[in-house]
Protein backbone atom coordinates (compact mmCIF):
# COMPACT_ATOMS: atom_id res chain seq x y z
CA MET A 1 159.53 -20.27 -94.83
CA ALA A 2 159.94 -21.96 -91.71
CA ILE A 3 156.90 -24.44 -93.28
CA PHE A 4 159.06 -24.48 -96.76
CA PHE A 5 161.89 -26.09 -94.70
CA GLY A 6 160.13 -28.21 -92.22
CA LEU A 7 158.60 -29.71 -94.99
CA GLY A 8 161.46 -30.01 -96.57
CA TRP A 9 163.23 -31.84 -93.74
CA TRP A 10 160.34 -34.03 -93.23
CA MET A 11 160.06 -35.31 -97.34
CA ARG A 12 163.76 -35.39 -97.80
CA THR A 13 162.93 -36.24 -101.34
CA SER A 14 160.17 -34.48 -102.45
CA PRO A 15 160.79 -31.92 -104.99
CA THR A 16 161.50 -28.04 -104.41
CA TRP A 17 158.09 -27.61 -106.77
CA ARG A 18 155.73 -29.95 -104.87
CA LEU A 19 157.87 -28.56 -101.04
CA ILE A 20 156.59 -24.74 -102.49
CA LEU A 21 152.51 -26.59 -103.48
CA LEU A 22 152.00 -28.36 -100.33
CA ALA A 23 154.10 -24.94 -98.06
CA LEU A 24 151.32 -22.71 -99.96
CA VAL A 25 148.44 -24.54 -99.13
CA ILE A 26 149.00 -25.01 -95.87
CA THR A 27 150.13 -21.38 -95.17
CA TRP A 28 146.66 -20.02 -97.05
CA SER A 29 144.37 -22.49 -95.69
CA ILE A 30 145.60 -20.69 -92.23
CA GLU A 31 145.33 -17.52 -93.62
CA PHE A 32 141.40 -18.37 -94.45
CA SER A 33 140.85 -20.17 -91.67
CA GLN A 34 140.30 -16.89 -90.07
CA PHE A 35 137.70 -15.95 -91.94
CA ILE A 36 136.37 -19.31 -89.42
CA GLN A 37 134.73 -17.05 -86.29
CA THR A 38 132.51 -19.91 -84.73
CA ASP A 39 132.92 -20.11 -81.08
CA TRP A 40 134.52 -23.01 -80.75
CA MET A 41 137.22 -21.68 -83.57
CA ASN A 42 137.75 -19.10 -81.47
CA GLN A 43 138.46 -20.47 -78.30
CA VAL A 44 141.03 -22.68 -79.97
CA ARG A 45 142.53 -19.54 -80.65
CA GLN A 46 142.48 -18.51 -77.14
CA VAL A 47 145.47 -20.75 -76.42
CA LYS A 48 148.47 -18.75 -77.49
CA LEU A 49 150.47 -21.42 -79.11
CA PHE A 50 147.21 -21.86 -81.11
CA ALA A 51 147.10 -18.49 -81.59
CA LEU A 52 150.10 -17.71 -82.99
CA ILE A 53 149.70 -20.31 -85.38
CA LEU A 54 145.98 -19.96 -85.97
CA GLY A 55 146.11 -16.04 -86.30
CA PHE A 56 143.17 -14.03 -85.72
CA THR A 57 142.27 -11.07 -89.25
CA PHE A 58 142.65 -12.25 -92.29
CA LEU A 59 145.43 -10.24 -94.53
CA PRO A 60 145.50 -10.04 -97.85
CA SER A 61 149.32 -9.29 -97.54
CA ASP A 62 150.33 -12.07 -95.24
CA LEU A 63 149.36 -14.06 -98.60
CA VAL A 64 152.25 -11.67 -100.88
CA MET A 65 154.58 -12.94 -97.85
CA TYR A 66 153.84 -16.33 -97.04
CA THR A 67 154.30 -16.63 -101.29
CA LEU A 68 157.72 -14.64 -100.75
CA GLY A 69 159.14 -16.58 -97.77
CA ILE A 70 158.57 -20.23 -99.60
CA LEU A 71 160.37 -19.19 -102.49
CA GLY A 72 162.62 -17.70 -100.99
CA GLY A 73 163.37 -20.43 -99.73
CA ALA A 74 163.05 -22.54 -102.34
CA LEU A 75 166.23 -20.14 -104.02
CA ILE A 76 167.87 -20.78 -100.55
CA GLU A 77 167.76 -24.32 -101.40
CA GLN A 78 168.52 -24.89 -104.54
CA SER A 79 171.30 -22.42 -104.33
CA MET A 80 172.95 -24.66 -101.87
CA LEU A 81 171.91 -27.82 -103.81
CA LEU A 82 173.67 -26.62 -107.33
CA ARG A 83 176.75 -26.12 -104.42
CA LEU A 84 176.70 -29.49 -103.33
CA LYS A 85 176.81 -30.51 -106.59
CA GLN A 86 180.08 -28.50 -107.63
CA GLY A 87 181.90 -29.74 -104.66
CA THR A 88 182.32 -26.04 -103.26
């Protein structure tokens, strides 16, 4: 959801579907990058910030959670946009 909202802030004029797609590409790419276990990638993961971002172990459930979070963010965005249009 944070990636979705960050992209929405950065790309303010982009349609919601584009933000969803881009957020999914970013989060799923990070998750699938956990299959890469080269020496240099594991050294990058030793830096705490990168470890938090990149993670260590691939979990299929993370893909589901990323997807649900992004879709939840999109629903929140659409709800807020609808309220703004209605003036409430």
